[in-house]
Amino acid sequence: MNYRNHITIEANKRGGKPCVRGLRITVYEVLEYRASEMTEAEILAKSKPSGFLAAELRVGR
């Protein structure tokens, strides 16, 4: 899986931080969630309004 299909950087979104597939959830936030041992289901539930998909969670594995 090519991470470039799932991670974008746009100057006008979240201060230019890398975001998941152009959404407003940053890669840093996902890594924080993973480090705090949140499950995949918990992360997806937390980001439900943004359209975050399970595939994006698996990019960094």
PDB file of N, CA and C in Angstrom:
ATOM      1  N   MET A   1       0.840  -1.163   0.000  1.00  0.00           N
ATOM      2  CA  MET A   1       0.000   0.000   0.000  1.00  0.00           C
ATOM      3  C   MET A   1       0.901   1.247   0.000  1.00  0.00           C
ATOM      4  N   ASN A   2       0.676   2.122  -0.916  1.00  0.00           N
ATOM      5  CA  ASN A   2       1.477   3.335  -1.046  1.00  0.00           C
ATOM      6  C   ASN A   2       0.903   4.430  -0.145  1.00  0.00           C
ATOM      7  N   TYR A   3       1.685   4.889   0.819  1.00  0.00           N
ATOM      8  CA  TYR A   3       1.204   5.897   1.766  1.00  0.00           C
ATOM      9  C   TYR A   3       0.797   7.194   1.080  1.00  0.00           C
ATOM     10  N   ARG A   4       1.351   7.493  -0.064  1.00  0.00           N
ATOM     11  CA  ARG A   4       1.033   8.746  -0.758  1.00  0.00           C
ATOM     12  C   ARG A   4      -0.415   8.794  -1.230  1.00  0.00           C
ATOM     13  N   ASN A   5      -1.040   7.637  -1.331  1.00  0.00           N
ATOM     14  CA  ASN A   5      -2.459   7.600  -1.687  1.00  0.00           C
ATOM     15  C   ASN A   5      -3.345   7.894  -0.481  1.00  0.00           C
ATOM     16  N   HIS A   6      -2.776   7.914   0.715  1.00  0.00           N
ATOM     17  CA  HIS A   6      -3.556   8.056   1.937  1.00  0.00           C
ATOM     18  C   HIS A   6      -3.161   9.249   2.796  1.00  0.00           C
ATOM     19  N   ILE A   7      -1.993   9.829   2.567  1.00  0.00           N
ATOM     20  CA  ILE A   7      -1.517  10.957   3.370  1.00  0.00           C
ATOM     21  C   ILE A   7      -1.275  12.147   2.454  1.00  0.00           C
ATOM     22  N   THR A   8      -1.869  13.283   2.820  1.00  0.00           N
ATOM     23  CA  THR A   8      -1.722  14.493   2.007  1.00  0.00           C
ATOM     24  C   THR A   8      -1.233  15.643   2.875  1.00  0.00           C
ATOM     25  N   ILE A   9      -0.611  16.614   2.237  1.00  0.00           N
ATOM     26  CA  ILE A   9      -0.181  17.834   2.921  1.00  0.00           C
ATOM     27  C   ILE A   9      -0.731  19.009   2.120  1.00  0.00           C
ATOM     28  N   GLU A  10      -1.574  19.794   2.786  1.00  0.00           N
ATOM     29  CA  GLU A  10      -2.161  20.974   2.154  1.00  0.00           C
ATOM     30  C   GLU A  10      -1.937  22.158   3.089  1.00  0.00           C
ATOM     31  N   ALA A  11      -1.397  23.226   2.561  1.00  0.00           N
ATOM     32  CA  ALA A  11      -1.045  24.397   3.377  1.00  0.00           C
ATOM     33  C   ALA A  11      -2.241  24.984   4.124  1.00  0.00           C
ATOM     34  N   ASN A  12      -3.432  24.880   3.569  1.00  0.00           N
ATOM     35  CA  ASN A  12      -4.608  25.494   4.185  1.00  0.00           C
ATOM     36  C   ASN A  12      -5.367  24.548   5.127  1.00  0.00           C
ATOM     37  N   LYS A  13      -4.862  23.356   5.351  1.00  0.00           N
ATOM     38  CA  LYS A  13      -5.512  22.416   6.265  1.00  0.00           C
ATOM     39  C   LYS A  13      -4.577  22.061   7.401  1.00  0.00           C
ATOM     40  N   ARG A  14      -5.031  22.293   8.619  1.00  0.00           N
ATOM     41  CA  ARG A  14      -4.307  21.919   9.832  1.00  0.00           C
ATOM     42  C   ARG A  14      -2.877  22.447   9.846  1.00  0.00           C
ATOM     43  N   GLY A  15      -2.693  23.629   9.334  1.00  0.00           N
ATOM     44  CA  GLY A  15      -1.387  24.281   9.354  1.00  0.00           C
ATOM     45  C   GLY A  15      -0.330  23.595   8.508  1.00  0.00           C
ATOM     46  N   GLY A  16      -0.756  22.867   7.490  1.00  0.00           N
ATOM     47  CA  GLY A  16       0.181  22.192   6.600  1.00  0.00           C
ATOM     48  C   GLY A  16       0.717  20.879   7.134  1.00  0.00           C
ATOM     49  N   LYS A  17       0.141  20.401   8.236  1.00  0.00           N
ATOM     50  CA  LYS A  17       0.580  19.113   8.796  1.00  0.00           C
ATOM     51  C   LYS A  17       0.070  17.981   7.915  1.00  0.00           C
ATOM     52  N   PRO A  18       0.801  16.862   7.872  1.00  0.00           N
ATOM     53  CA  PRO A  18       0.338  15.716   7.091  1.00  0.00           C
ATOM     54  C   PRO A  18      -1.004  15.221   7.640  1.00  0.00           C
ATOM     55  N   CYS A  19      -1.975  15.082   6.740  1.00  0.00           N
ATOM     56  CA  CYS A  19      -3.316  14.634   7.117  1.00  0.00           C
ATOM     57  C   CYS A  19      -3.667  13.349   6.385  1.00  0.00           C
ATOM     58  N   VAL A  20      -4.618  12.666   6.939  1.00  0.00           N
ATOM     59  CA  VAL A  20      -5.086  11.433   6.332  1.00  0.00           C
ATOM     60  C   VAL A  20      -5.985  11.775   5.165  1.00  0.00           C
ATOM     61  N   ARG A  21      -5.572  11.368   3.982  1.00  0.00           N
ATOM     62  CA  ARG A  21      -6.323  11.466   2.745  1.00  0.00           C
ATOM     63  C   ARG A  21      -7.064  12.776   2.572  1.00  0.00           C
ATOM     64  N   GLY A  22      -6.407  13.866   2.898  1.00  0.00           N
ATOM     65  CA  GLY A  22      -6.991  15.180   2.704  1.00  0.00           C
ATOM     66  C   GLY A  22      -8.025  15.579   3.748  1.00  0.00           C
ATOM     67  N   LEU A  23      -8.221  14.765   4.763  1.00  0.00           N
ATOM     68  CA  LEU A  23      -9.182  15.072   5.815  1.00  0.00           C
ATOM     69  C   LEU A  23      -8.528  15.945   6.868  1.00  0.00           C
ATOM     70  N   ARG A  24      -9.248  16.279   7.899  1.00  0.00           N
ATOM     71  CA  ARG A  24      -8.714  17.140   8.948  1.00  0.00           C
ATOM     72  C   ARG A  24      -8.254  16.353  10.170  1.00  0.00           C
ATOM     73  N   ILE A  25      -7.889  15.102   9.999  1.00  0.00           N
ATOM     74  CA  ILE A  25      -7.284  14.322  11.072  1.00  0.00           C
ATOM     75  C   ILE A  25      -5.815  14.128  10.686  1.00  0.00           C
ATOM     76  N   THR A  26      -4.931  14.567  11.561  1.00  0.00           N
ATOM     77  CA  THR A  26      -3.506  14.530  11.223  1.00  0.00           C
ATOM     78  C   THR A  26      -2.910  13.152  11.490  1.00  0.00           C
ATOM     79  N   VAL A  27      -1.816  12.893  10.822  1.00  0.00           N
ATOM     80  CA  VAL A  27      -1.082  11.649  11.037  1.00  0.00           C
ATOM     81  C   VAL A  27      -0.610  11.599  12.490  1.00  0.00           C
ATOM     82  N   TYR A  28      -0.203  12.745  13.019  1.00  0.00           N
ATOM     83  CA  TYR A  28       0.237  12.827  14.410  1.00  0.00           C
ATOM     84  C   TYR A  28      -0.868  12.366  15.358  1.00  0.00           C
ATOM     85  N   GLU A  29      -2.108  12.797  15.094  1.00  0.00           N
ATOM     86  CA  GLU A  29      -3.233  12.385  15.951  1.00  0.00           C
ATOM     87  C   GLU A  29      -3.434  10.874  15.909  1.00  0.00           C
ATOM     88  N   VAL A  30      -3.340  10.296  14.729  1.00  0.00           N
ATOM     89  CA  VAL A  30      -3.497   8.849  14.611  1.00  0.00           C
ATOM     90  C   VAL A  30      -2.394   8.140  15.391  1.00  0.00           C
ATOM     91  N   LEU A  31      -1.166   8.641  15.279  1.00  0.00           N
ATOM     92  CA  LEU A  31      -0.056   8.027  16.019  1.00  0.00           C
ATOM     93  C   LEU A  31      -0.253   8.184  17.530  1.00  0.00           C
ATOM     94  N   GLU A  32      -0.777   9.323  17.956  1.00  0.00           N
ATOM     95  CA  GLU A  32      -1.088   9.523  19.377  1.00  0.00           C
ATOM     96  C   GLU A  32      -2.134   8.516  19.850  1.00  0.00           C
ATOM     97  N   TYR A  33      -3.170   8.329  19.049  1.00  0.00           N
ATOM     98  CA  TYR A  33      -4.224   7.369  19.404  1.00  0.00           C
ATOM     99  C   TYR A  33      -3.646   5.962  19.527  1.00  0.00           C
ATOM    100  N   ARG A  34      -2.804   5.598  18.565  1.00  0.00           N
ATOM    101  CA  ARG A  34      -2.186   4.264  18.587  1.00  0.00           C
ATOM    102  C   ARG A  34      -1.280   4.109  19.807  1.00  0.00           C
ATOM    103  N   ALA A  35      -0.514   5.139  20.119  1.00  0.00           N
ATOM    104  CA  ALA A  35       0.402   5.084  21.266  1.00  0.00           C
ATOM    105  C   ALA A  35      -0.358   4.967  22.580  1.00  0.00           C
ATOM    106  N   SER A  36      -1.567   5.517  22.621  1.00  0.00           N
ATOM    107  CA  SER A  36      -2.370   5.421  23.843  1.00  0.00           C
ATOM    108  C   SER A  36      -3.184   4.133  23.870  1.00  0.00           C
ATOM    109  N   GLU A  37      -2.884   3.246  22.936  1.00  0.00           N
ATOM    110  CA  GLU A  37      -3.486   1.912  22.855  1.00  0.00           C
ATOM    111  C   GLU A  37      -4.975   1.915  22.540  1.00  0.00           C
ATOM    112  N   MET A  38      -5.425   2.955  21.824  1.00  0.00           N
ATOM    113  CA  MET A  38      -6.807   2.943  21.347  1.00  0.00           C
ATOM    114  C   MET A  38      -6.934   1.854  20.296  1.00  0.00           C
ATOM    115  N   THR A  39      -8.056   1.184  20.283  1.00  0.00           N
ATOM    116  CA  THR A  39      -8.279   0.148  19.277  1.00  0.00           C
ATOM    117  C   THR A  39      -8.665   0.802  17.954  1.00  0.00           C
ATOM    118  N   GLU A  40      -8.586   0.025  16.899  1.00  0.00           N
ATOM    119  CA  GLU A  40      -8.980   0.512  15.587  1.00  0.00           C
ATOM    120  C   GLU A  40     -10.438   0.978  15.624  1.00  0.00           C
ATOM    121  N   ALA A  41     -11.302   0.226  16.279  1.00  0.00           N
ATOM    122  CA  ALA A  41     -12.723   0.577  16.372  1.00  0.00           C
ATOM    123  C   ALA A  41     -12.921   1.905  17.110  1.00  0.00           C
ATOM    124  N   GLU A  42     -12.151   2.142  18.164  1.00  0.00           N
ATOM    125  CA  GLU A  42     -12.256   3.395  18.924  1.00  0.00           C
ATOM    126  C   GLU A  42     -11.816   4.589  18.081  1.00  0.00           C
ATOM    127  N   ILE A  43     -10.749   4.415  17.338  1.00  0.00           N
ATOM    128  CA  ILE A  43     -10.254   5.504  16.480  1.00  0.00           C
ATOM    129  C   ILE A  43     -11.272   5.815  15.389  1.00  0.00           C
ATOM    130  N   LEU A  44     -11.822   4.778  14.783  1.00  0.00           N
ATOM    131  CA  LEU A  44     -12.823   4.988  13.733  1.00  0.00           C
ATOM    132  C   LEU A  44     -14.067   5.667  14.284  1.00  0.00           C
ATOM    133  N   ALA A  45     -14.489   5.280  15.495  1.00  0.00           N
ATOM    134  CA  ALA A  45     -15.665   5.898  16.117  1.00  0.00           C
ATOM    135  C   ALA A  45     -15.400   7.373  16.432  1.00  0.00           C
ATOM    136  N   LYS A  46     -14.195   7.673  16.900  1.00  0.00           N
ATOM    137  CA  LYS A  46     -13.829   9.047  17.255  1.00  0.00           C
ATOM    138  C   LYS A  46     -13.801   9.948  16.022  1.00  0.00           C
ATOM    139  N   SER A  47     -13.440   9.399  14.889  1.00  0.00           N
ATOM    140  CA  SER A  47     -13.286  10.202  13.675  1.00  0.00           C
ATOM    141  C   SER A  47     -14.416   9.967  12.678  1.00  0.00           C
ATOM    142  N   LYS A  48     -15.505   9.400  13.121  1.00  0.00           N
ATOM    143  CA  LYS A  48     -16.625   9.044  12.247  1.00  0.00           C
ATOM    144  C   LYS A  48     -17.095  10.174  11.331  1.00  0.00           C
ATOM    145  N   PRO A  49     -17.294  11.396  11.827  1.00  0.00           N
ATOM    146  CA  PRO A  49     -17.788  12.439  10.919  1.00  0.00           C
ATOM    147  C   PRO A  49     -16.836  12.778   9.779  1.00  0.00           C
ATOM    148  N   SER A  50     -15.564  12.483   9.924  1.00  0.00           N
ATOM    149  CA  SER A  50     -14.605  12.877   8.894  1.00  0.00           C
ATOM    150  C   SER A  50     -14.535  11.894   7.730  1.00  0.00           C
ATOM    151  N   GLY A  51     -15.140  10.732   7.848  1.00  0.00           N
ATOM    152  CA  GLY A  51     -15.079   9.754   6.771  1.00  0.00           C
ATOM    153  C   GLY A  51     -13.815   8.930   6.775  1.00  0.00           C
ATOM    154  N   PHE A  52     -13.112   8.915   7.887  1.00  0.00           N
ATOM    155  CA  PHE A  52     -11.876   8.155   8.057  1.00  0.00           C
ATOM    156  C   PHE A  52     -12.164   6.672   7.869  1.00  0.00           C
ATOM    157  N   LEU A  53     -11.352   5.979   7.106  1.00  0.00           N
ATOM    158  CA  LEU A  53     -11.573   4.563   6.821  1.00  0.00           C
ATOM    159  C   LEU A  53     -10.519   3.676   7.469  1.00  0.00           C
ATOM    160  N   ALA A  54     -10.874   2.429   7.687  1.00  0.00           N
ATOM    161  CA  ALA A  54      -9.951   1.476   8.298  1.00  0.00           C
ATOM    162  C   ALA A  54      -8.667   1.330   7.486  1.00  0.00           C
ATOM    163  N   ALA A  55      -8.739   1.470   6.179  1.00  0.00           N
ATOM    164  CA  ALA A  55      -7.548   1.338   5.320  1.00  0.00           C
ATOM    165  C   ALA A  55      -6.490   2.367   5.688  1.00  0.00           C
ATOM    166  N   GLU A  56      -6.912   3.582   6.047  1.00  0.00           N
ATOM    167  CA  GLU A  56      -5.958   4.620   6.405  1.00  0.00           C
ATOM    168  C   GLU A  56      -5.232   4.274   7.707  1.00  0.00           C
ATOM    169  N   LEU A  57      -5.894   3.574   8.586  1.00  0.00           N
ATOM    170  CA  LEU A  57      -5.248   3.169   9.841  1.00  0.00           C
ATOM    171  C   LEU A  57      -4.122   2.170   9.609  1.00  0.00           C
ATOM    172  N   ARG A  58      -4.254   1.406   8.575  1.00  0.00           N
ATOM    173  CA  ARG A  58      -3.289   0.334   8.302  1.00  0.00           C
ATOM    174  C   ARG A  58      -2.087   0.788   7.487  1.00  0.00           C
ATOM    175  N   VAL A  59      -2.098   2.016   6.991  1.00  0.00           N
ATOM    176  CA  VAL A  59      -1.012   2.507   6.144  1.00  0.00           C
ATOM    177  C   VAL A  59       0.320   2.475   6.870  1.00  0.00           C
ATOM    178  N   GLY A  60       0.331   2.850   8.138  1.00  0.00           N
ATOM    179  CA  GLY A  60       1.584   2.929   8.873  1.00  0.00           C
ATOM    180  C   GLY A  60       2.097   1.616   9.423  1.00  0.00           C
ATOM    181  N   ARG A  61       1.391   0.556   9.209  1.00  0.00           N
ATOM    182  CA  ARG A  61       1.829  -0.730   9.756  1.00  0.00           C
ATOM    183  C   ARG A  61       2.896  -1.376   8.925  1.00  0.00           C
TER     184      ARG A  61
END
